[in-house]
Amino acid sequence: MTPLTARVKDGHLVLDVPFDLPDGTELELVVDDGGDTLSSSEREKLHAALEAGWKDIEAGRTIPLDRFLASFPTGE
């Protein structure tokens, strides 16, 4: 299905073009944030890092959160 564009007018959503659905049809609307600005190579690197992280979790190569957080200087 092609994405539709609507505008708010007097508190109602108004489609820019006619739409052929029966009266009473319910639609779930979400606000599109426009996605991200990652390039293809950046997205590939992100997915590779996520996959590697998941494999670490599965292999038990993790540490407790409190120990991880304690490794950062507190600035005191």
Protein backbone atom coordinates (compact mmCIF):
# COMPACT_ATOMS: atom_id res chain seq x y z
CA MET A 1 0.00 0.00 0.00
CA THR A 2 1.27 3.47 -0.85
CA PRO A 3 1.81 5.78 2.13
CA LEU A 4 -0.83 8.46 2.46
CA THR A 5 -0.34 12.08 3.44
CA ALA A 6 -2.89 13.78 5.66
CA ARG A 7 -3.14 17.19 7.27
CA VAL A 8 -4.87 18.25 10.45
CA LYS A 9 -7.82 20.57 9.83
CA ASP A 10 -10.12 21.60 12.67
CA GLY A 11 -8.86 18.67 14.74
CA HIS A 12 -9.47 16.08 12.02
CA LEU A 13 -7.07 14.29 9.70
CA VAL A 14 -7.81 15.12 6.08
CA LEU A 15 -6.27 13.09 3.28
CA ASP A 16 -4.81 14.96 0.34
CA VAL A 17 -6.38 12.50 -2.12
CA PRO A 18 -9.59 10.46 -2.12
CA PHE A 19 -9.20 7.03 -0.56
CA ASP A 20 -11.36 4.02 -1.30
CA LEU A 21 -12.16 2.25 1.95
CA PRO A 22 -15.60 1.35 3.30
CA ASP A 23 -17.12 3.67 5.90
CA GLY A 24 -16.22 2.60 9.43
CA THR A 25 -12.84 1.13 8.43
CA GLU A 26 -10.37 1.64 11.28
CA LEU A 27 -6.76 2.50 10.50
CA GLU A 28 -3.76 2.61 12.81
CA LEU A 29 -1.81 5.81 12.24
CA VAL A 30 1.79 6.38 13.31
CA VAL A 31 3.94 9.47 13.02
CA ASP A 32 6.84 8.90 10.65
CA ASP A 33 10.06 10.31 12.05
CA GLY A 34 11.70 10.31 8.63
CA GLY A 35 14.05 7.47 9.47
CA ASP A 36 17.74 7.98 10.05
CA THR A 37 20.63 9.37 8.07
CA LEU A 38 22.84 6.27 7.99
CA SER A 39 24.57 5.46 4.73
CA SER A 40 24.51 1.87 3.45
CA SER A 41 28.03 1.22 4.76
CA GLU A 42 27.20 2.77 8.16
CA ARG A 43 24.07 0.60 8.38
CA GLU A 44 26.13 -2.51 7.52
CA LYS A 45 28.63 -1.63 10.29
CA LEU A 46 25.78 -1.09 12.77
CA HIS A 47 24.19 -4.44 11.95
CA ALA A 48 27.58 -6.19 12.19
CA ALA A 49 28.19 -4.62 15.62
CA LEU A 50 24.73 -5.61 16.83
CA GLU A 51 25.25 -9.17 15.60
CA ALA A 52 28.67 -9.37 17.31
CA GLY A 53 27.16 -8.03 20.53
CA TRP A 54 24.38 -10.60 20.44
CA LYS A 55 26.91 -13.40 19.91
CA ASP A 56 28.83 -12.14 22.97
CA ILE A 57 25.63 -12.31 25.01
CA GLU A 58 24.87 -15.83 23.81
CA ALA A 59 28.43 -16.90 24.64
CA GLY A 60 28.20 -15.47 28.14
CA ARG A 61 30.78 -12.74 27.53
CA THR A 62 28.98 -10.17 29.67
CA ILE A 63 29.53 -8.30 32.93
CA PRO A 64 27.01 -7.02 35.47
CA LEU A 65 25.75 -3.50 34.82
CA ASP A 66 26.99 -2.13 38.15
CA ARG A 67 30.54 -3.31 37.36
CA PHE A 68 30.36 -1.77 33.89
CA LEU A 69 29.12 1.56 35.27
CA ALA A 70 31.78 1.52 37.99
CA SER A 71 34.46 1.45 35.29
CA PHE A 72 33.65 5.06 34.33
CA PRO A 73 35.10 7.99 36.28
CA THR A 74 32.50 9.79 38.37
CA GLY A 75 34.14 13.21 38.11
CA GLU A 76 34.35 13.60 41.88
